[in-house]
């Protein structure tokens, strides 16, 4: 049962191996696929770094998730339907900079339910102080 994930977070770590100086922010494409192939996606703005950085994606309508069937902004009921029957998480983070040793790493992919996400957010705020 994954219905408790609505209001939670998808979290992962991202790192580039080689970057041009002054690289601009890019987007990571995240797609959630539910049963029957129904899917929603979100273009997550990220600042590229050669250091590991944590990317947190809200699993609710506070960010502009797109219903892949209609290409309209996903509604709460769309998200809940996909999340409750979640079969696959696709994270696309390939950035073409033209550098010879370009490589993007993704690690520690985690799904947090809403209660755990609130606690995790507090831990992050406390660590930043």
N, C-alpha and C. Protein backbone atom coordinates (compact mmCIF):
# COMPACT_ATOMS: atom_id res chain seq x y z
N UNK A 1 0.85 -1.18 0.00
CA UNK A 1 0.00 0.00 0.00
C UNK A 1 0.89 1.24 0.00
N UNK A 2 0.74 2.08 -1.02
CA UNK A 2 1.58 3.26 -1.14
C UNK A 2 0.81 4.57 -1.02
N UNK A 3 -0.47 4.49 -0.67
CA UNK A 3 -1.27 5.72 -0.60
C UNK A 3 -0.72 6.72 0.40
N UNK A 4 0.01 6.27 1.42
CA UNK A 4 0.62 7.15 2.40
C UNK A 4 1.76 7.98 1.84
N UNK A 5 2.19 7.69 0.61
CA UNK A 5 3.28 8.45 0.01
C UNK A 5 2.82 9.82 -0.48
N UNK A 6 1.51 10.00 -0.74
CA UNK A 6 1.05 11.31 -1.16
C UNK A 6 1.30 12.30 -0.02
N UNK A 7 1.95 13.41 -0.34
CA UNK A 7 2.34 14.38 0.69
C UNK A 7 3.73 14.11 1.22
N UNK A 8 4.35 13.04 0.74
CA UNK A 8 5.71 12.70 1.16
C UNK A 8 6.75 13.27 0.21
N UNK A 9 7.88 12.59 0.13
CA UNK A 9 9.00 13.05 -0.70
C UNK A 9 9.62 11.90 -1.47
N UNK A 10 10.09 12.21 -2.66
CA UNK A 10 11.05 11.37 -3.37
C UNK A 10 12.38 12.08 -3.18
N UNK A 11 13.37 11.36 -2.74
CA UNK A 11 14.68 11.97 -2.47
C UNK A 11 15.75 11.12 -3.12
N UNK A 12 16.75 11.79 -3.71
CA UNK A 12 17.89 11.08 -4.28
C UNK A 12 19.10 12.00 -4.25
N UNK A 13 20.26 11.40 -4.44
CA UNK A 13 21.50 12.17 -4.49
C UNK A 13 22.01 12.19 -5.92
N UNK A 14 22.58 13.33 -6.31
CA UNK A 14 23.01 13.56 -7.68
C UNK A 14 24.41 14.16 -7.69
N UNK A 15 25.22 13.73 -8.68
CA UNK A 15 26.58 14.27 -8.80
C UNK A 15 27.01 14.21 -10.27
N UNK A 16 27.65 15.27 -10.72
CA UNK A 16 28.29 15.29 -12.03
C UNK A 16 29.78 15.03 -11.82
N UNK A 17 30.43 14.32 -12.74
CA UNK A 17 31.85 14.06 -12.60
C UNK A 17 32.72 15.16 -13.18
N UNK A 18 32.25 15.79 -14.20
CA UNK A 18 33.03 16.86 -14.82
C UNK A 18 32.05 17.91 -15.30
N UNK A 19 32.38 19.17 -15.03
CA UNK A 19 31.48 20.26 -15.41
C UNK A 19 32.27 21.42 -15.96
N UNK A 20 31.58 22.21 -16.77
CA UNK A 20 32.16 23.47 -17.21
C UNK A 20 32.04 24.48 -16.08
N UNK A 21 33.02 25.33 -15.94
CA UNK A 21 32.95 26.38 -14.93
C UNK A 21 31.76 27.28 -15.25
N UNK A 22 30.98 27.59 -14.22
CA UNK A 22 29.82 28.46 -14.39
C UNK A 22 28.62 27.77 -15.01
N UNK A 23 28.54 26.45 -14.88
CA UNK A 23 27.39 25.73 -15.43
C UNK A 23 26.09 26.29 -14.87
N UNK A 24 25.10 26.36 -15.71
CA UNK A 24 23.81 26.89 -15.29
C UNK A 24 22.94 25.79 -14.70
N UNK A 25 21.93 26.17 -13.93
CA UNK A 25 21.02 25.16 -13.39
C UNK A 25 20.35 24.38 -14.53
N UNK A 26 20.06 23.16 -14.27
CA UNK A 26 19.39 22.29 -15.24
C UNK A 26 18.18 21.66 -14.58
N UNK A 27 17.52 20.78 -15.33
CA UNK A 27 16.37 20.07 -14.79
C UNK A 27 16.58 18.57 -14.89
N UNK A 28 16.13 17.87 -13.87
CA UNK A 28 16.12 16.41 -13.84
C UNK A 28 14.67 16.01 -14.06
N UNK A 29 14.43 15.10 -14.98
CA UNK A 29 13.07 14.64 -15.24
C UNK A 29 12.76 13.44 -14.35
N UNK A 30 11.69 13.56 -13.56
CA UNK A 30 11.24 12.46 -12.69
C UNK A 30 9.86 12.04 -13.18
N UNK A 31 9.70 10.74 -13.44
CA UNK A 31 8.42 10.20 -13.86
C UNK A 31 8.01 9.09 -12.91
N UNK A 32 6.78 9.15 -12.43
CA UNK A 32 6.20 8.09 -11.61
C UNK A 32 5.19 7.34 -12.47
N UNK A 33 5.32 6.02 -12.52
CA UNK A 33 4.44 5.20 -13.34
C UNK A 33 3.62 4.30 -12.43
N UNK A 34 2.30 4.38 -12.59
CA UNK A 34 1.39 3.54 -11.81
C UNK A 34 0.91 2.37 -12.64
N UNK A 35 -0.01 1.60 -12.08
CA UNK A 35 -0.55 0.46 -12.81
C UNK A 35 -1.27 0.94 -14.06
N UNK A 36 -1.27 0.09 -15.07
CA UNK A 36 -1.90 0.45 -16.33
C UNK A 36 -1.10 1.45 -17.14
N UNK A 37 0.12 1.77 -16.70
CA UNK A 37 0.97 2.70 -17.42
C UNK A 37 0.65 4.16 -17.20
N UNK A 38 -0.32 4.47 -16.35
CA UNK A 38 -0.63 5.87 -16.07
C UNK A 38 0.58 6.51 -15.40
N UNK A 39 0.95 7.72 -15.84
CA UNK A 39 2.16 8.33 -15.30
C UNK A 39 2.03 9.84 -15.16
N UNK A 40 2.85 10.35 -14.24
CA UNK A 40 2.98 11.78 -14.01
C UNK A 40 4.46 12.11 -14.01
N UNK A 41 4.80 13.33 -14.39
CA UNK A 41 6.22 13.70 -14.41
C UNK A 41 6.41 15.12 -13.91
N UNK A 42 7.64 15.39 -13.52
CA UNK A 42 8.00 16.72 -13.00
C UNK A 42 9.44 17.00 -13.42
N UNK A 43 9.67 18.19 -13.94
CA UNK A 43 11.01 18.64 -14.29
C UNK A 43 11.58 19.37 -13.08
N UNK A 44 12.48 18.71 -12.37
CA UNK A 44 13.01 19.20 -11.10
C UNK A 44 14.19 20.13 -11.37
N UNK A 45 14.10 21.40 -10.97
CA UNK A 45 15.25 22.28 -11.14
C UNK A 45 16.38 21.88 -10.18
N UNK A 46 17.58 21.74 -10.71
CA UNK A 46 18.73 21.39 -9.88
C UNK A 46 19.92 22.27 -10.27
N UNK A 47 20.81 22.46 -9.31
CA UNK A 47 22.08 23.12 -9.59
C UNK A 47 23.13 22.03 -9.62
N UNK A 48 23.77 21.90 -10.76
CA UNK A 48 24.75 20.83 -10.94
C UNK A 48 25.98 21.07 -10.08
N UNK A 49 26.56 19.98 -9.62
CA UNK A 49 27.75 20.06 -8.78
C UNK A 49 28.56 18.78 -8.95
N UNK A 50 29.87 18.90 -8.72
CA UNK A 50 30.72 17.71 -8.72
C UNK A 50 30.71 17.05 -7.35
N UNK A 51 30.02 17.66 -6.39
CA UNK A 51 29.83 17.08 -5.06
C UNK A 51 28.44 16.46 -5.02
N UNK A 52 28.28 15.43 -4.18
CA UNK A 52 26.96 14.84 -4.02
C UNK A 52 26.02 15.88 -3.43
N UNK A 53 24.83 16.01 -4.00
CA UNK A 53 23.82 16.90 -3.44
C UNK A 53 22.49 16.15 -3.39
N UNK A 54 21.71 16.46 -2.37
CA UNK A 54 20.42 15.81 -2.17
C UNK A 54 19.35 16.59 -2.94
N UNK A 55 18.55 15.86 -3.70
CA UNK A 55 17.42 16.44 -4.42
C UNK A 55 16.15 15.89 -3.79
N UNK A 56 15.27 16.79 -3.34
CA UNK A 56 14.01 16.39 -2.72
C UNK A 56 12.85 16.84 -3.60
N UNK A 57 11.95 15.92 -3.89
CA UNK A 57 10.82 16.21 -4.77
C UNK A 57 9.52 15.96 -4.00
N UNK A 58 8.71 16.99 -3.78
CA UNK A 58 7.44 16.79 -3.08
C UNK A 58 6.49 15.90 -3.88
N UNK A 59 5.89 14.97 -3.20
CA UNK A 59 4.92 14.07 -3.84
C UNK A 59 3.51 14.60 -3.57
N UNK A 60 3.28 15.81 -4.05
CA UNK A 60 1.96 16.44 -3.92
C UNK A 60 1.84 17.53 -4.98
N UNK A 61 0.75 18.26 -4.97
CA UNK A 61 0.52 19.25 -6.03
C UNK A 61 1.16 20.61 -5.74
N UNK A 62 2.05 20.66 -4.75
CA UNK A 62 2.73 21.93 -4.46
C UNK A 62 3.75 22.28 -5.55
N UNK A 63 4.11 21.31 -6.39
CA UNK A 63 4.99 21.55 -7.54
C UNK A 63 4.24 21.09 -8.80
N UNK A 64 4.62 21.60 -9.96
CA UNK A 64 3.83 21.32 -11.18
C UNK A 64 4.09 19.95 -11.83
N UNK A 65 3.55 18.90 -11.23
CA UNK A 65 3.56 17.58 -11.85
C UNK A 65 2.66 17.63 -13.09
N UNK A 66 3.02 16.89 -14.12
CA UNK A 66 2.25 16.83 -15.36
C UNK A 66 1.68 15.44 -15.55
N UNK A 67 0.39 15.37 -15.88
CA UNK A 67 -0.24 14.10 -16.25
C UNK A 67 0.24 13.78 -17.66
N UNK A 68 0.96 12.68 -17.82
CA UNK A 68 1.57 12.36 -19.11
C UNK A 68 0.55 12.03 -20.19
N UNK A 69 -0.65 11.64 -19.81
CA UNK A 69 -1.69 11.32 -20.80
C UNK A 69 -2.30 12.58 -21.40
N UNK A 70 -2.51 13.60 -20.57
CA UNK A 70 -3.19 14.81 -21.03
C UNK A 70 -2.23 15.97 -21.29
N UNK A 71 -1.05 15.89 -20.70
CA UNK A 71 -0.05 16.97 -20.72
C UNK A 71 -0.51 18.21 -19.97
N UNK A 72 -1.56 18.06 -19.17
CA UNK A 72 -2.00 19.12 -18.28
C UNK A 72 -1.41 18.90 -16.89
N UNK A 73 -1.46 19.95 -16.10
CA UNK A 73 -0.99 19.82 -14.72
C UNK A 73 -1.80 18.74 -13.99
N UNK A 74 -1.09 17.86 -13.31
CA UNK A 74 -1.75 16.77 -12.58
C UNK A 74 -2.56 17.34 -11.42
N UNK A 75 -3.72 16.77 -11.20
CA UNK A 75 -4.57 17.13 -10.08
C UNK A 75 -4.25 16.20 -8.91
N UNK A 76 -4.72 16.55 -7.74
CA UNK A 76 -4.46 15.74 -6.55
C UNK A 76 -4.93 14.30 -6.77
N UNK A 77 -6.11 14.13 -7.33
CA UNK A 77 -6.62 12.76 -7.54
C UNK A 77 -5.78 11.99 -8.55
N UNK A 78 -5.20 12.69 -9.56
CA UNK A 78 -4.30 12.03 -10.51
C UNK A 78 -3.07 11.50 -9.78
N UNK A 79 -2.50 12.36 -8.95
CA UNK A 79 -1.29 11.97 -8.22
C UNK A 79 -1.56 10.81 -7.28
N UNK A 80 -2.66 10.90 -6.54
CA UNK A 80 -2.99 9.84 -5.60
C UNK A 80 -3.21 8.51 -6.31
N UNK A 81 -3.82 8.56 -7.49
CA UNK A 81 -4.06 7.34 -8.25
C UNK A 81 -2.74 6.69 -8.68
N UNK A 82 -1.82 7.49 -9.22
CA UNK A 82 -0.53 6.96 -9.66
C UNK A 82 0.30 6.48 -8.47
N UNK A 83 0.38 7.29 -7.43
CA UNK A 83 1.21 6.94 -6.27
C UNK A 83 0.69 5.69 -5.56
N UNK A 84 -0.63 5.55 -5.45
CA UNK A 84 -1.16 4.38 -4.73
C UNK A 84 -0.93 3.08 -5.48
N UNK A 85 -0.68 3.17 -6.80
CA UNK A 85 -0.42 1.96 -7.59
C UNK A 85 0.98 1.99 -8.21
N UNK A 86 1.90 2.71 -7.55
CA UNK A 86 3.24 2.95 -8.09
C UNK A 86 3.97 1.66 -8.46
N UNK A 87 4.42 1.60 -9.70
CA UNK A 87 5.17 0.44 -10.21
C UNK A 87 6.62 0.79 -10.54
N UNK A 88 6.86 2.06 -10.88
CA UNK A 88 8.18 2.43 -11.37
C UNK A 88 8.47 3.90 -11.11
N UNK A 89 9.71 4.21 -10.78
CA UNK A 89 10.20 5.58 -10.65
C UNK A 89 11.33 5.74 -11.66
N UNK A 90 11.20 6.70 -12.56
CA UNK A 90 12.22 6.94 -13.59
C UNK A 90 12.84 8.31 -13.33
N UNK A 91 14.16 8.33 -13.17
CA UNK A 91 14.88 9.59 -12.97
C UNK A 91 15.85 9.74 -14.12
N UNK A 92 15.64 10.76 -14.95
CA UNK A 92 16.52 11.02 -16.09
C UNK A 92 17.36 12.25 -15.77
N UNK A 93 18.65 12.04 -15.69
CA UNK A 93 19.55 13.12 -15.30
C UNK A 93 20.80 13.10 -16.17
N UNK A 94 20.61 13.12 -17.45
CA UNK A 94 21.74 13.15 -18.36
C UNK A 94 21.86 14.56 -18.91
N UNK A 95 22.99 15.19 -18.68
CA UNK A 95 23.22 16.56 -19.12
C UNK A 95 24.36 16.56 -20.12
N UNK A 96 24.12 17.06 -21.31
CA UNK A 96 25.16 17.08 -22.33
C UNK A 96 25.87 18.43 -22.27
N UNK A 97 27.11 18.39 -21.81
CA UNK A 97 27.91 19.61 -21.75
C UNK A 97 29.01 19.59 -22.80
N UNK A 98 29.21 18.44 -23.44
CA UNK A 98 30.24 18.32 -24.46
C UNK A 98 31.61 17.97 -23.91
N UNK A 99 31.72 17.81 -22.60
CA UNK A 99 32.99 17.45 -22.00
C UNK A 99 33.26 15.96 -22.20
N UNK A 100 34.53 15.57 -22.40
CA UNK A 100 34.83 14.17 -22.73
C UNK A 100 34.52 13.17 -21.62
N UNK A 101 34.63 13.54 -20.37
CA UNK A 101 34.40 12.60 -19.27
C UNK A 101 33.09 12.84 -18.55
N UNK A 102 32.12 13.37 -19.26
CA UNK A 102 30.84 13.69 -18.64
C UNK A 102 30.15 12.41 -18.14
N UNK A 103 29.72 12.46 -16.91
CA UNK A 103 28.97 11.35 -16.33
C UNK A 103 28.16 11.89 -15.16
N UNK A 104 26.93 11.44 -15.05
CA UNK A 104 26.05 11.83 -13.96
C UNK A 104 25.77 10.61 -13.11
N UNK A 105 25.91 10.74 -11.80
CA UNK A 105 25.61 9.64 -10.88
C UNK A 105 24.36 9.96 -10.09
N UNK A 106 23.54 8.94 -9.85
CA UNK A 106 22.37 9.03 -8.97
C UNK A 106 22.51 7.92 -7.95
N UNK A 107 22.25 8.23 -6.68
CA UNK A 107 22.39 7.23 -5.63
C UNK A 107 21.34 7.49 -4.56
N UNK A 108 21.15 6.50 -3.69
CA UNK A 108 20.30 6.62 -2.50
C UNK A 108 18.91 7.16 -2.80
N UNK A 109 18.23 6.53 -3.74
CA UNK A 109 16.86 6.91 -4.07
C UNK A 109 15.95 6.39 -2.95
N UNK A 110 15.13 7.32 -2.41
CA UNK A 110 14.26 6.96 -1.28
C UNK A 110 12.89 7.59 -1.47
N UNK A 111 11.87 6.87 -1.00
CA UNK A 111 10.51 7.40 -0.94
C UNK A 111 10.14 7.55 0.52
N UNK A 112 9.69 8.75 0.90
CA UNK A 112 9.30 9.03 2.28
C UNK A 112 7.79 9.26 2.31
N UNK A 113 7.09 8.59 3.22
CA UNK A 113 5.66 8.88 3.38
C UNK A 113 5.52 10.25 4.03
N UNK A 114 4.30 10.76 4.12
CA UNK A 114 4.11 12.14 4.59
C UNK A 114 4.62 12.37 6.01
N UNK A 115 4.42 11.41 6.90
CA UNK A 115 4.90 11.58 8.29
C UNK A 115 6.43 11.57 8.33
N UNK A 116 7.05 10.65 7.61
CA UNK A 116 8.51 10.57 7.59
C UNK A 116 9.12 11.78 6.88
N UNK A 117 8.43 12.29 5.86
CA UNK A 117 8.93 13.45 5.13
C UNK A 117 8.97 14.68 6.03
N UNK A 118 7.96 14.85 6.87
CA UNK A 118 7.94 15.99 7.80
C UNK A 118 9.11 15.89 8.77
N UNK A 119 9.37 14.71 9.26
CA UNK A 119 10.50 14.51 10.18
C UNK A 119 11.82 14.74 9.45
N UNK A 120 11.93 14.24 8.22
CA UNK A 120 13.15 14.42 7.42
C UNK A 120 13.41 15.90 7.15
N UNK A 121 12.36 16.64 6.82
CA UNK A 121 12.50 18.08 6.56
C UNK A 121 13.02 18.81 7.80
N UNK A 122 12.53 18.41 8.96
CA UNK A 122 13.00 19.02 10.21
C UNK A 122 14.47 18.70 10.44
N UNK A 123 14.88 17.47 10.17
CA UNK A 123 16.29 17.07 10.34
C UNK A 123 17.19 17.90 9.43
N UNK A 124 16.75 18.13 8.19
CA UNK A 124 17.53 18.92 7.24
C UNK A 124 17.65 20.36 7.73
N UNK A 125 16.52 20.94 8.20
CA UNK A 125 16.57 22.32 8.73
C UNK A 125 17.51 22.41 9.93
N UNK A 126 17.46 21.42 10.82
CA UNK A 126 18.32 21.42 12.00
C UNK A 126 19.79 21.32 11.60
N UNK A 127 20.10 20.51 10.59
CA UNK A 127 21.48 20.33 10.14
C UNK A 127 22.03 21.59 9.48
N UNK A 128 21.14 22.39 8.88
CA UNK A 128 21.57 23.62 8.20
C UNK A 128 21.87 24.75 9.18
N UNK A 129 21.47 24.62 10.43
CA UNK A 129 21.70 25.69 11.41
C UNK A 129 23.10 25.70 11.91
